[in-house]
PDB file of N, CA and C in Angstrom:
ATOM      1  N   MET A   1      36.302 -53.539 169.793  1.00  0.00           N
ATOM      2  CA  MET A   1      36.252 -52.682 168.598  1.00  0.00           C
ATOM      3  C   MET A   1      35.269 -51.534 168.829  1.00  0.00           C
ATOM      4  N   HIS A   2      34.197 -51.830 169.523  1.00  0.00           N
ATOM      5  CA  HIS A   2      33.203 -50.788 169.797  1.00  0.00           C
ATOM      6  C   HIS A   2      33.809 -49.677 170.655  1.00  0.00           C
ATOM      7  N   LEU A   3      34.609 -50.064 171.628  1.00  0.00           N
ATOM      8  CA  LEU A   3      35.220 -49.063 172.511  1.00  0.00           C
ATOM      9  C   LEU A   3      36.174 -48.165 171.723  1.00  0.00           C
ATOM     10  N   VAL A   4      36.908 -48.748 170.797  1.00  0.00           N
ATOM     11  CA  VAL A   4      37.850 -47.959 169.999  1.00  0.00           C
ATOM     12  C   VAL A   4      37.089 -46.934 169.162  1.00  0.00           C
ATOM     13  N   TRP A   5      36.003 -47.372 168.531  1.00  0.00           N
ATOM     14  CA  TRP A   5      35.215 -46.464 167.697  1.00  0.00           C
ATOM     15  C   TRP A   5      34.607 -45.364 168.556  1.00  0.00           C
ATOM     16  N   GLU A   6      34.109 -45.733 169.734  1.00  0.00           N
ATOM     17  CA  GLU A   6      33.497 -44.756 170.624  1.00  0.00           C
ATOM     18  C   GLU A   6      34.527 -43.717 171.055  1.00  0.00           C
ATOM     19  N   GLY A   7      35.735 -44.173 171.370  1.00  0.00           N
ATOM     20  CA  GLY A   7      36.791 -43.251 171.783  1.00  0.00           C
ATOM     21  C   GLY A   7      37.137 -42.295 170.654  1.00  0.00           C
ATOM     22  N   SER A   8      37.242 -42.800 169.443  1.00  0.00           N
ATOM     23  CA  SER A   8      37.572 -41.949 168.299  1.00  0.00           C
ATOM     24  C   SER A   8      36.462 -40.931 168.060  1.00  0.00           C
ATOM     25  N   PHE A   9      35.229 -41.355 168.287  1.00  0.00           N
ATOM     26  CA  PHE A   9      34.087 -40.460 168.089  1.00  0.00           C
ATOM     27  C   PHE A   9      34.160 -39.293 169.063  1.00  0.00           C
ATOM     28  N   TYR A  10      34.473 -39.588 170.332  1.00  0.00           N
ATOM     29  CA  TYR A  10      34.573 -38.516 171.320  1.00  0.00           C
ATOM     30  C   TYR A  10      35.750 -37.592 171.007  1.00  0.00           C
ATOM     31  N   VAL A  11      36.857 -38.149 170.544  1.00  0.00           N
ATOM     32  CA  VAL A  11      38.014 -37.322 170.188  1.00  0.00           C
ATOM     33  C   VAL A  11      37.623 -36.374 169.057  1.00  0.00           C
ATOM     34  N   PHE A  12      36.872 -36.881 168.089  1.00  0.00           N
ATOM     35  CA  PHE A  12      36.429 -36.057 166.964  1.00  0.00           C
ATOM     36  C   PHE A  12      35.541 -34.922 167.462  1.00  0.00           C
ATOM     37  N   ILE A  13      34.634 -35.227 168.389  1.00  0.00           N
ATOM     38  CA  ILE A  13      33.729 -34.207 168.932  1.00  0.00           C
ATOM     39  C   ILE A  13      34.534 -33.125 169.651  1.00  0.00           C
ATOM     40  N   VAL A  14      35.518 -33.524 170.444  1.00  0.00           N
ATOM     41  CA  VAL A  14      36.338 -32.549 171.180  1.00  0.00           C
ATOM     42  C   VAL A  14      37.096 -31.654 170.208  1.00  0.00           C
ATOM     43  N   LEU A  15      37.706 -32.252 169.183  1.00  0.00           N
ATOM     44  CA  LEU A  15      38.455 -31.463 168.201  1.00  0.00           C
ATOM     45  C   LEU A  15      37.523 -30.496 167.471  1.00  0.00           C
ATOM     46  N   ALA A  16      36.333 -30.975 167.109  1.00  0.00           N
ATOM     47  CA  ALA A  16      35.372 -30.117 166.410  1.00  0.00           C
ATOM     48  C   ALA A  16      34.977 -28.945 167.307  1.00  0.00           C
ATOM     49  N   ALA A  17      34.764 -29.208 168.592  1.00  0.00           N
ATOM     50  CA  ALA A  17      34.375 -28.148 169.528  1.00  0.00           C
ATOM     51  C   ALA A  17      35.487 -27.104 169.629  1.00  0.00           C
ATOM     52  N   ILE A  18      36.733 -27.558 169.697  1.00  0.00           N
ATOM     53  CA  ILE A  18      37.865 -26.634 169.789  1.00  0.00           C
ATOM     54  C   ILE A  18      37.931 -25.764 168.534  1.00  0.00           C
ATOM     55  N   VAL A  19      37.742 -26.367 167.381  1.00  0.00           N
ATOM     56  CA  VAL A  19      37.783 -25.613 166.123  1.00  0.00           C
ATOM     57  C   VAL A  19      36.675 -24.565 166.094  1.00  0.00           C
ATOM     58  N   TRP A  20      35.457 -24.946 166.521  1.00  0.00           N
ATOM     59  CA  TRP A  20      34.335 -24.002 166.519  1.00  0.00           C
ATOM     60  C   TRP A  20      34.605 -22.843 167.455  1.00  0.00           C
ATOM     61  N   ILE A  21      35.171 -23.158 168.664  1.00  0.00           N
ATOM     62  CA  ILE A  21      35.466 -22.102 169.633  1.00  0.00           C
ATOM     63  C   ILE A  21      36.520 -21.144 169.077  1.00  0.00           C
ATOM     64  N   LYS A  22      37.586 -21.691 168.500  1.00  0.00           N
ATOM     65  CA  LYS A  22      38.639 -20.844 167.925  1.00  0.00           C
ATOM     66  C   LYS A  22      38.071 -20.005 166.789  1.00  0.00           C
ATOM     67  N   ALA A  23      37.226 -20.593 165.956  1.00  0.00           N
ATOM     68  CA  ALA A  23      36.637 -19.853 164.841  1.00  0.00           C
ATOM     69  C   ALA A  23      35.780 -18.715 165.384  1.00  0.00           C
ATOM     70  N   GLY A  24      35.010 -18.989 166.433  1.00  0.00           N
ATOM     71  CA  GLY A  24      34.156 -17.958 167.018  1.00  0.00           C
ATOM     72  C   GLY A  24      34.980 -16.805 167.563  1.00  0.00           C
ATOM     73  N   VAL A  25      36.079 -17.116 168.227  1.00  0.00           N
ATOM     74  CA  VAL A  25      36.944 -16.069 168.785  1.00  0.00           C
ATOM     75  C   VAL A  25      37.538 -15.232 167.660  1.00  0.00           C
ATOM     76  N   LEU A  26      38.014 -15.894 166.605  1.00  0.00           N
ATOM     77  CA  LEU A  26      38.616 -15.171 165.486  1.00  0.00           C
ATOM     78  C   LEU A  26      37.581 -14.276 164.807  1.00  0.00           C
ATOM     79  N   LEU A  27      36.350 -14.768 164.671  1.00  0.00           N
ATOM     80  CA  LEU A  27      35.317 -13.967 164.006  1.00  0.00           C
ATOM     81  C   LEU A  27      34.973 -12.744 164.847  1.00  0.00           C
ATOM     82  N   LYS A  28      34.956 -12.900 166.169  1.00  0.00           N
ATOM     83  CA  LYS A  28      34.642 -11.759 167.039  1.00  0.00           C
ATOM     84  C   LYS A  28      35.771 -10.738 167.017  1.00  0.00           C
ATOM     85  N   GLU A  29      37.021 -11.220 166.929  1.00  0.00           N
ATOM     86  CA  GLU A  29      38.161 -10.311 166.956  1.00  0.00           C
ATOM     87  C   GLU A  29      38.355  -9.592 165.626  1.00  0.00           C
ATOM     88  N   ASN A  30      37.966 -10.235 164.524  1.00  0.00           N
ATOM     89  CA  ASN A  30      38.207  -9.643 163.207  1.00  0.00           C
ATOM     90  C   ASN A  30      36.954  -9.733 162.329  1.00  0.00           C
ATOM     91  N   PRO A  31      36.064  -8.752 162.434  1.00  0.00           N
ATOM     92  CA  PRO A  31      34.827  -8.752 161.628  1.00  0.00           C
ATOM     93  C   PRO A  31      35.102  -8.832 160.130  1.00  0.00           C
ATOM     94  N   ARG A  32      36.215  -8.240 159.671  1.00  0.00           N
ATOM     95  CA  ARG A  32      36.535  -8.250 158.237  1.00  0.00           C
ATOM     96  C   ARG A  32      36.670  -9.679 157.741  1.00  0.00           C
ATOM     97  N   SER A  33      37.336 -10.538 158.515  1.00  0.00           N
ATOM     98  CA  SER A  33      37.507 -11.941 158.119  1.00  0.00           C
ATOM     99  C   SER A  33      36.148 -12.622 158.037  1.00  0.00           C
ATOM    100  N   ARG A  34      35.252 -12.270 158.971  1.00  0.00           N
ATOM    101  CA  ARG A  34      33.923 -12.880 158.956  1.00  0.00           C
ATOM    102  C   ARG A  34      33.204 -12.537 157.649  1.00  0.00           C
ATOM    103  N   ASN A  35      33.273 -11.285 157.221  1.00  0.00           N
ATOM    104  CA  ASN A  35      32.604 -10.867 155.990  1.00  0.00           C
ATOM    105  C   ASN A  35      33.190 -11.606 154.789  1.00  0.00           C
ATOM    106  N   VAL A  36      34.492 -11.762 154.759  1.00  0.00           N
ATOM    107  CA  VAL A  36      35.144 -12.468 153.648  1.00  0.00           C
ATOM    108  C   VAL A  36      34.656 -13.919 153.619  1.00  0.00           C
ATOM    109  N   ALA A  37      34.606 -14.560 154.805  1.00  0.00           N
ATOM    110  CA  ALA A  37      34.179 -15.961 154.877  1.00  0.00           C
ATOM    111  C   ALA A  37      32.751 -16.097 154.389  1.00  0.00           C
ATOM    112  N   LEU A  38      31.883 -15.158 154.757  1.00  0.00           N
ATOM    113  CA  LEU A  38      30.487 -15.222 154.321  1.00  0.00           C
ATOM    114  C   LEU A  38      30.409 -15.086 152.802  1.00  0.00           C
ATOM    115  N   ASN A  39      31.226 -14.212 152.235  1.00  0.00           N
ATOM    116  CA  ASN A  39      31.196 -14.015 150.787  1.00  0.00           C
ATOM    117  C   ASN A  39      31.688 -15.266 150.060  1.00  0.00           C
ATOM    118  N   VAL A  40      32.708 -15.916 150.608  1.00  0.00           N
ATOM    119  CA  VAL A  40      33.259 -17.120 149.992  1.00  0.00           C
ATOM    120  C   VAL A  40      32.211 -18.244 150.013  1.00  0.00           C
ATOM    121  N   ASN A  41      31.534 -18.381 151.160  1.00  0.00           N
ATOM    122  CA  ASN A  41      30.535 -19.448 151.280  1.00  0.00           C
ATOM    123  C   ASN A  41      29.311 -19.098 150.454  1.00  0.00           C
TER     124      ASN A  41
END
């Protein structure tokens, strides 16, 4: 059971990293979207 949880944890970390990288690329490509996101938050 520990191995299953550990595997899921690493999968979550990888997915989170991919999302952060994609978000960073989108923010660099479109400053307008970044400003909108900041205003929403």
